[in-house]
């Protein structure tokens, strides 16, 4: 058994947090950040039981600005 590190991207939708793993494509949710991450971890582990682990390239995170006309 081995461990791999994946990326989790979270955002809030109404009263839930949505967590996504971009390397694998798994998505889950929870009422708290911790719950969303735990659910994402479980979903990703179950997914990887059925499908081989992909070659993981670290995700790059950055920000950008846009002009919004009023």
PDB file of N, CA and C in Angstrom:
ATOM      1  N   UNK A   1       0.836  -1.172   0.000  1.00  0.00           N
ATOM      2  CA  UNK A   1       0.000   0.000   0.000  1.00  0.00           C
ATOM      3  C   UNK A   1       0.888   1.246   0.000  1.00  0.00           C
ATOM      4  N   UNK A   2       0.455   2.260  -0.719  1.00  0.00           N
ATOM      5  CA  UNK A   2       1.191   3.516  -0.734  1.00  0.00           C
ATOM      6  C   UNK A   2       0.221   4.681  -0.640  1.00  0.00           C
ATOM      7  N   UNK A   3       0.737   5.846  -0.392  1.00  0.00           N
ATOM      8  CA  UNK A   3      -0.098   7.033  -0.338  1.00  0.00           C
ATOM      9  C   UNK A   3       0.300   7.999  -1.443  1.00  0.00           C
ATOM     10  N   UNK A   4      -0.657   8.744  -1.923  1.00  0.00           N
ATOM     11  CA  UNK A   4      -0.420   9.776  -2.922  1.00  0.00           C
ATOM     12  C   UNK A   4      -1.090  11.049  -2.437  1.00  0.00           C
ATOM     13  N   UNK A   5      -0.550  12.166  -2.818  1.00  0.00           N
ATOM     14  CA  UNK A   5      -1.122  13.448  -2.444  1.00  0.00           C
ATOM     15  C   UNK A   5      -1.863  14.024  -3.645  1.00  0.00           C
ATOM     16  N   UNK A   6      -3.097  14.426  -3.420  1.00  0.00           N
ATOM     17  CA  UNK A   6      -3.919  15.029  -4.450  1.00  0.00           C
ATOM     18  C   UNK A   6      -4.337  16.431  -4.015  1.00  0.00           C
ATOM     19  N   UNK A   7      -4.855  17.193  -4.947  1.00  0.00           N
ATOM     20  CA  UNK A   7      -5.304  18.557  -4.684  1.00  0.00           C
ATOM     21  C   UNK A   7      -6.804  18.561  -4.407  1.00  0.00           C
ATOM     22  N   UNK A   8      -7.234  19.387  -3.472  1.00  0.00           N
ATOM     23  CA  UNK A   8      -8.659  19.596  -3.218  1.00  0.00           C
ATOM     24  C   UNK A   8      -8.962  21.069  -3.453  1.00  0.00           C
ATOM     25  N   UNK A   9      -9.955  21.329  -4.286  1.00  0.00           N
ATOM     26  CA  UNK A   9     -10.425  22.690  -4.542  1.00  0.00           C
ATOM     27  C   UNK A   9     -11.822  22.791  -3.945  1.00  0.00           C
ATOM     28  N   UNK A  10     -12.029  23.757  -3.083  1.00  0.00           N
ATOM     29  CA  UNK A  10     -13.321  23.895  -2.401  1.00  0.00           C
ATOM     30  C   UNK A  10     -13.970  25.226  -2.714  1.00  0.00           C
ATOM     31  N   UNK A  11     -15.275  25.199  -2.800  1.00  0.00           N
ATOM     32  CA  UNK A  11     -16.051  26.434  -2.894  1.00  0.00           C
ATOM     33  C   UNK A  11     -17.386  26.222  -2.197  1.00  0.00           C
ATOM     34  N   UNK A  12     -17.985  27.331  -1.814  1.00  0.00           N
ATOM     35  CA  UNK A  12     -19.246  27.261  -1.079  1.00  0.00           C
ATOM     36  C   UNK A  12     -20.410  27.441  -2.040  1.00  0.00           C
ATOM     37  N   UNK A  13     -21.413  26.589  -1.902  1.00  0.00           N
ATOM     38  CA  UNK A  13     -22.668  26.693  -2.646  1.00  0.00           C
ATOM     39  C   UNK A  13     -23.801  26.683  -1.638  1.00  0.00           C
ATOM     40  N   UNK A  14     -24.422  27.827  -1.456  1.00  0.00           N
ATOM     41  CA  UNK A  14     -25.495  28.004  -0.479  1.00  0.00           C
ATOM     42  C   UNK A  14     -25.033  27.541   0.898  1.00  0.00           C
ATOM     43  N   UNK A  15     -25.586  26.470   1.443  1.00  0.00           N
ATOM     44  CA  UNK A  15     -25.211  26.035   2.790  1.00  0.00           C
ATOM     45  C   UNK A  15     -24.275  24.829   2.795  1.00  0.00           C
ATOM     46  N   UNK A  16     -23.639  24.521   1.661  1.00  0.00           N
ATOM     47  CA  UNK A  16     -22.746  23.367   1.561  1.00  0.00           C
ATOM     48  C   UNK A  16     -21.392  23.795   0.996  1.00  0.00           C
ATOM     49  N   UNK A  17     -20.364  23.028   1.327  1.00  0.00           N
ATOM     50  CA  UNK A  17     -19.056  23.183   0.693  1.00  0.00           C
ATOM     51  C   UNK A  17     -18.907  22.068  -0.329  1.00  0.00           C
ATOM     52  N   UNK A  18     -18.451  22.420  -1.515  1.00  0.00           N
ATOM     53  CA  UNK A  18     -18.206  21.445  -2.576  1.00  0.00           C
ATOM     54  C   UNK A  18     -16.699  21.294  -2.709  1.00  0.00           C
ATOM     55  N   UNK A  19     -16.223  20.059  -2.707  1.00  0.00           N
ATOM     56  CA  UNK A  19     -14.796  19.764  -2.826  1.00  0.00           C
ATOM     57  C   UNK A  19     -14.567  18.933  -4.080  1.00  0.00           C
ATOM     58  N   UNK A  20     -13.549  19.310  -4.840  1.00  0.00           N
ATOM     59  CA  UNK A  20     -13.233  18.614  -6.088  1.00  0.00           C
ATOM     60  C   UNK A  20     -11.749  18.279  -6.134  1.00  0.00           C
ATOM     61  N   UNK A  21     -11.442  17.102  -6.650  1.00  0.00           N
ATOM     62  CA  UNK A  21     -10.063  16.685  -6.878  1.00  0.00           C
ATOM     63  C   UNK A  21      -9.804  16.774  -8.382  1.00  0.00           C
ATOM     64  N   UNK A  22      -9.089  17.805  -8.854  1.00  0.00           N
ATOM     65  CA  UNK A  22      -8.915  17.983 -10.296  1.00  0.00           C
ATOM     66  C   UNK A  22      -8.076  16.897 -10.968  1.00  0.00           C
ATOM     67  N   UNK A  23      -7.171  16.278 -10.240  1.00  0.00           N
ATOM     68  CA  UNK A  23      -6.331  15.241 -10.849  1.00  0.00           C
ATOM     69  C   UNK A  23      -7.124  13.995 -11.210  1.00  0.00           C
ATOM     70  N   UNK A  24      -8.132  13.663 -10.402  1.00  0.00           N
ATOM     71  CA  UNK A  24      -8.899  12.429 -10.599  1.00  0.00           C
ATOM     72  C   UNK A  24     -10.294  12.724 -11.161  1.00  0.00           C
ATOM     73  N   UNK A  25     -10.857  13.868 -10.791  1.00  0.00           N
ATOM     74  CA  UNK A  25     -12.188  14.224 -11.256  1.00  0.00           C
ATOM     75  C   UNK A  25     -13.284  13.907 -10.260  1.00  0.00           C
ATOM     76  N   UNK A  26     -12.914  13.502  -9.061  1.00  0.00           N
ATOM     77  CA  UNK A  26     -13.922  13.203  -8.052  1.00  0.00           C
ATOM     78  C   UNK A  26     -14.430  14.494  -7.414  1.00  0.00           C
ATOM     79  N   UNK A  27     -15.694  14.464  -6.990  1.00  0.00           N
ATOM     80  CA  UNK A  27     -16.334  15.621  -6.367  1.00  0.00           C
ATOM     81  C   UNK A  27     -17.192  15.124  -5.214  1.00  0.00           C
ATOM     82  N   UNK A  28     -17.230  15.887  -4.137  1.00  0.00           N
ATOM     83  CA  UNK A  28     -18.110  15.559  -3.023  1.00  0.00           C
ATOM     84  C   UNK A  28     -18.498  16.859  -2.331  1.00  0.00           C
ATOM     85  N   UNK A  29     -19.253  16.737  -1.255  1.00  0.00           N
ATOM     86  CA  UNK A  29     -19.703  17.936  -0.547  1.00  0.00           C
ATOM     87  C   UNK A  29     -19.880  17.633   0.926  1.00  0.00           C
ATOM     88  N   UNK A  30     -20.043  18.690   1.711  1.00  0.00           N
ATOM     89  CA  UNK A  30     -20.286  18.540   3.134  1.00  0.00           C
ATOM     90  C   UNK A  30     -20.753  19.856   3.720  1.00  0.00           C
ATOM     91  N   UNK A  31     -21.283  19.800   4.933  1.00  0.00           N
ATOM     92  CA  UNK A  31     -21.777  21.016   5.584  1.00  0.00           C
ATOM     93  C   UNK A  31     -20.639  21.872   6.130  1.00  0.00           C
ATOM     94  N   UNK A  32     -19.468  21.262   6.347  1.00  0.00           N
ATOM     95  CA  UNK A  32     -18.278  21.992   6.785  1.00  0.00           C
ATOM     96  C   UNK A  32     -17.135  21.666   5.833  1.00  0.00           C
ATOM     97  N   UNK A  33     -16.074  22.470   5.903  1.00  0.00           N
ATOM     98  CA  UNK A  33     -14.896  22.198   5.075  1.00  0.00           C
ATOM     99  C   UNK A  33     -14.337  20.815   5.416  1.00  0.00           C
ATOM    100  N   UNK A  34     -14.254  20.519   6.693  1.00  0.00           N
ATOM    101  CA  UNK A  34     -13.708  19.234   7.132  1.00  0.00           C
ATOM    102  C   UNK A  34     -14.533  18.066   6.607  1.00  0.00           C
ATOM    103  N   UNK A  35     -15.862  18.201   6.672  1.00  0.00           N
ATOM    104  CA  UNK A  35     -16.742  17.142   6.178  1.00  0.00           C
ATOM    105  C   UNK A  35     -16.609  16.985   4.662  1.00  0.00           C
ATOM    106  N   UNK A  36     -16.536  18.098   3.945  1.00  0.00           N
ATOM    107  CA  UNK A  36     -16.373  18.032   2.489  1.00  0.00           C
ATOM    108  C   UNK A  36     -15.066  17.351   2.120  1.00  0.00           C
ATOM    109  N   UNK A  37     -13.984  17.668   2.827  1.00  0.00           N
ATOM    110  CA  UNK A  37     -12.694  17.029   2.550  1.00  0.00           C
ATOM    111  C   UNK A  37     -12.713  15.543   2.886  1.00  0.00           C
ATOM    112  N   UNK A  38     -13.325  15.179   4.007  1.00  0.00           N
ATOM    113  CA  UNK A  38     -13.422  13.765   4.382  1.00  0.00           C
ATOM    114  C   UNK A  38     -14.229  12.995   3.343  1.00  0.00           C
ATOM    115  N   UNK A  39     -15.326  13.588   2.870  1.00  0.00           N
ATOM    116  CA  UNK A  39     -16.149  12.932   1.855  1.00  0.00           C
ATOM    117  C   UNK A  39     -15.409  12.825   0.524  1.00  0.00           C
ATOM    118  N   UNK A  40     -14.627  13.860   0.189  1.00  0.00           N
ATOM    119  CA  UNK A  40     -13.833  13.814  -1.043  1.00  0.00           C
ATOM    120  C   UNK A  40     -12.765  12.731  -0.949  1.00  0.00           C
ATOM    121  N   UNK A  41     -12.128  12.618   0.191  1.00  0.00           N
ATOM    122  CA  UNK A  41     -11.118  11.580   0.382  1.00  0.00           C
ATOM    123  C   UNK A  41     -11.740  10.193   0.199  1.00  0.00           C
ATOM    124  N   UNK A  42     -12.893   9.972   0.827  1.00  0.00           N
ATOM    125  CA  UNK A  42     -13.571   8.685   0.699  1.00  0.00           C
ATOM    126  C   UNK A  42     -13.973   8.411  -0.755  1.00  0.00           C
ATOM    127  N   UNK A  43     -14.532   9.424  -1.434  1.00  0.00           N
ATOM    128  CA  UNK A  43     -14.941   9.254  -2.832  1.00  0.00           C
ATOM    129  C   UNK A  43     -13.733   8.942  -3.718  1.00  0.00           C
ATOM    130  N   UNK A  44     -12.623   9.602  -3.457  1.00  0.00           N
ATOM    131  CA  UNK A  44     -11.416   9.385  -4.259  1.00  0.00           C
ATOM    132  C   UNK A  44     -10.841   7.998  -4.005  1.00  0.00           C
ATOM    133  N   UNK A  45     -10.818   7.565  -2.752  1.00  0.00           N
ATOM    134  CA  UNK A  45     -10.328   6.216  -2.438  1.00  0.00           C
ATOM    135  C   UNK A  45     -11.192   5.148  -3.118  1.00  0.00           C
ATOM    136  N   UNK A  46     -12.509   5.322  -3.077  1.00  0.00           N
ATOM    137  CA  UNK A  46     -13.409   4.360  -3.731  1.00  0.00           C
ATOM    138  C   UNK A  46     -13.213   4.364  -5.243  1.00  0.00           C
ATOM    139  N   UNK A  47     -13.039   5.542  -5.825  1.00  0.00           N
ATOM    140  CA  UNK A  47     -12.797   5.649  -7.262  1.00  0.00           C
ATOM    141  C   UNK A  47     -11.504   4.922  -7.641  1.00  0.00           C
ATOM    142  N   UNK A  48     -10.459   5.130  -6.849  1.00  0.00           N
ATOM    143  CA  UNK A  48      -9.157   4.529  -7.168  1.00  0.00           C
ATOM    144  C   UNK A  48      -9.140   3.015  -6.956  1.00  0.00           C
ATOM    145  N   UNK A  49     -10.101   2.487  -6.178  1.00  0.00           N
ATOM    146  CA  UNK A  49     -10.215   1.025  -6.059  1.00  0.00           C
ATOM    147  C   UNK A  49     -10.654   0.415  -7.387  1.00  0.00           C
ATOM    148  N   UNK A  50     -11.444   1.136  -8.157  1.00  0.00           N
ATOM    149  CA  UNK A  50     -11.977   0.640  -9.430  1.00  0.00           C
ATOM    150  C   UNK A  50     -11.109   1.002 -10.628  1.00  0.00           C
ATOM    151  N   UNK A  51     -10.461   2.149 -10.559  1.00  0.00           N
ATOM    152  CA  UNK A  51      -9.673   2.638 -11.686  1.00  0.00           C
ATOM    153  C   UNK A  51      -8.251   2.894 -11.224  1.00  0.00           C
ATOM    154  N   UNK A  52      -7.280   2.559 -12.063  1.00  0.00           N
ATOM    155  CA  UNK A  52      -5.890   2.753 -11.657  1.00  0.00           C
ATOM    156  C   UNK A  52      -5.587   4.230 -11.381  1.00  0.00           C
ATOM    157  N   UNK A  53      -4.667   4.447 -10.455  1.00  0.00           N
ATOM    158  CA  UNK A  53      -4.270   5.815 -10.131  1.00  0.00           C
ATOM    159  C   UNK A  53      -3.618   6.463 -11.348  1.00  0.00           C
ATOM    160  N   UNK A  54      -4.058   7.652 -11.693  1.00  0.00           N
ATOM    161  CA  UNK A  54      -3.476   8.340 -12.841  1.00  0.00           C
ATOM    162  C   UNK A  54      -2.082   8.867 -12.511  1.00  0.00           C
ATOM    163  N   UNK A  55      -1.331   9.160 -13.547  1.00  0.00           N
ATOM    164  CA  UNK A  55      -0.070   9.858 -13.331  1.00  0.00           C
ATOM    165  C   UNK A  55      -0.447  11.261 -12.879  1.00  0.00           C
ATOM    166  N   UNK A  56       0.005  11.619 -11.708  1.00  0.00           N
ATOM    167  CA  UNK A  56      -0.426  12.880 -11.123  1.00  0.00           C
ATOM    168  C   UNK A  56       0.615  13.956 -11.360  1.00  0.00           C
ATOM    169  N   UNK A  57       0.174  15.027 -11.991  1.00  0.00           N
ATOM    170  CA  UNK A  57       0.998  16.214 -12.138  1.00  0.00           C
ATOM    171  C   UNK A  57       0.421  17.240 -11.183  1.00  0.00           C
ATOM    172  N   UNK A  58       1.269  17.838 -10.393  1.00  0.00           N
ATOM    173  CA  UNK A  58       0.788  18.809  -9.424  1.00  0.00           C
ATOM    174  C   UNK A  58      -0.019  19.898 -10.112  1.00  0.00           C
ATOM    175  N   UNK A  59      -1.165  20.206  -9.562  1.00  0.00           N
ATOM    176  CA  UNK A  59      -2.002  21.282 -10.090  1.00  0.00           C
ATOM    177  C   UNK A  59      -1.341  22.620  -9.783  1.00  0.00           C
ATOM    178  N   UNK A  60      -1.542  23.569 -10.666  1.00  0.00           N
ATOM    179  CA  UNK A  60      -1.038  24.919 -10.445  1.00  0.00           C
ATOM    180  C   UNK A  60      -2.220  25.805 -10.066  1.00  0.00           C
ATOM    181  N   UNK A  61      -2.041  26.591  -9.039  1.00  0.00           N
ATOM    182  CA  UNK A  61      -3.097  27.483  -8.593  1.00  0.00           C
ATOM    183  C   UNK A  61      -2.611  28.910  -8.738  1.00  0.00           C
ATOM    184  N   UNK A  62      -3.416  29.729  -9.359  1.00  0.00           N
ATOM    185  CA  UNK A  62      -3.108  31.145  -9.510  1.00  0.00           C
ATOM    186  C   UNK A  62      -4.405  31.929  -9.503  1.00  0.00           C
ATOM    187  N   UNK A  63      -4.308  33.229  -9.531  1.00  0.00           N
ATOM    188  CA  UNK A  63      -5.479  34.086  -9.593  1.00  0.00           C
ATOM    189  C   UNK A  63      -5.323  35.062 -10.754  1.00  0.00           C
ATOM    190  N   UNK A  64      -6.433  35.654 -11.162  1.00  0.00           N
ATOM    191  CA  UNK A  64      -6.390  36.674 -12.198  1.00  0.00           C
ATOM    192  C   UNK A  64      -7.532  37.654 -11.958  1.00  0.00           C
ATOM    193  N   UNK A  65      -7.415  38.841 -12.530  1.00  0.00           N
ATOM    194  CA  UNK A  65      -8.428  39.863 -12.354  1.00  0.00           C
ATOM    195  C   UNK A  65      -9.124  40.125 -13.676  1.00  0.00           C
ATOM    196  N   UNK A  66     -10.390  40.483 -13.594  1.00  0.00           N
ATOM    197  CA  UNK A  66     -11.162  40.875 -14.772  1.00  0.00           C
ATOM    198  C   UNK A  66     -11.820  42.220 -14.481  1.00  0.00           C
ATOM    199  N   UNK A  67     -12.063  42.979 -15.531  1.00  0.00           N
ATOM    200  CA  UNK A  67     -12.765  44.247 -15.412  1.00  0.00           C
ATOM    201  C   UNK A  67     -14.246  43.981 -15.595  1.00  0.00           C
ATOM    202  N   UNK A  68     -15.047  44.461 -14.655  1.00  0.00           N
ATOM    203  CA  UNK A  68     -16.502  44.273 -14.722  1.00  0.00           C
ATOM    204  C   UNK A  68     -17.126  45.642 -14.964  1.00  0.00           C
ATOM    205  N   UNK A  69     -17.801  45.772 -16.060  1.00  0.00           N
ATOM    206  CA  UNK A  69     -18.471  47.030 -16.402  1.00  0.00           C
ATOM    207  C   UNK A  69     -19.782  47.132 -15.645  1.00  0.00           C
ATOM    208  N   UNK A  70     -20.016  48.291 -15.065  1.00  0.00           N
ATOM    209  CA  UNK A  70     -21.258  48.485 -14.298  1.00  0.00           C
ATOM    210  C   UNK A  70     -22.387  48.935 -15.183  1.00  0.00           C
TER     211      UNK A  70
END
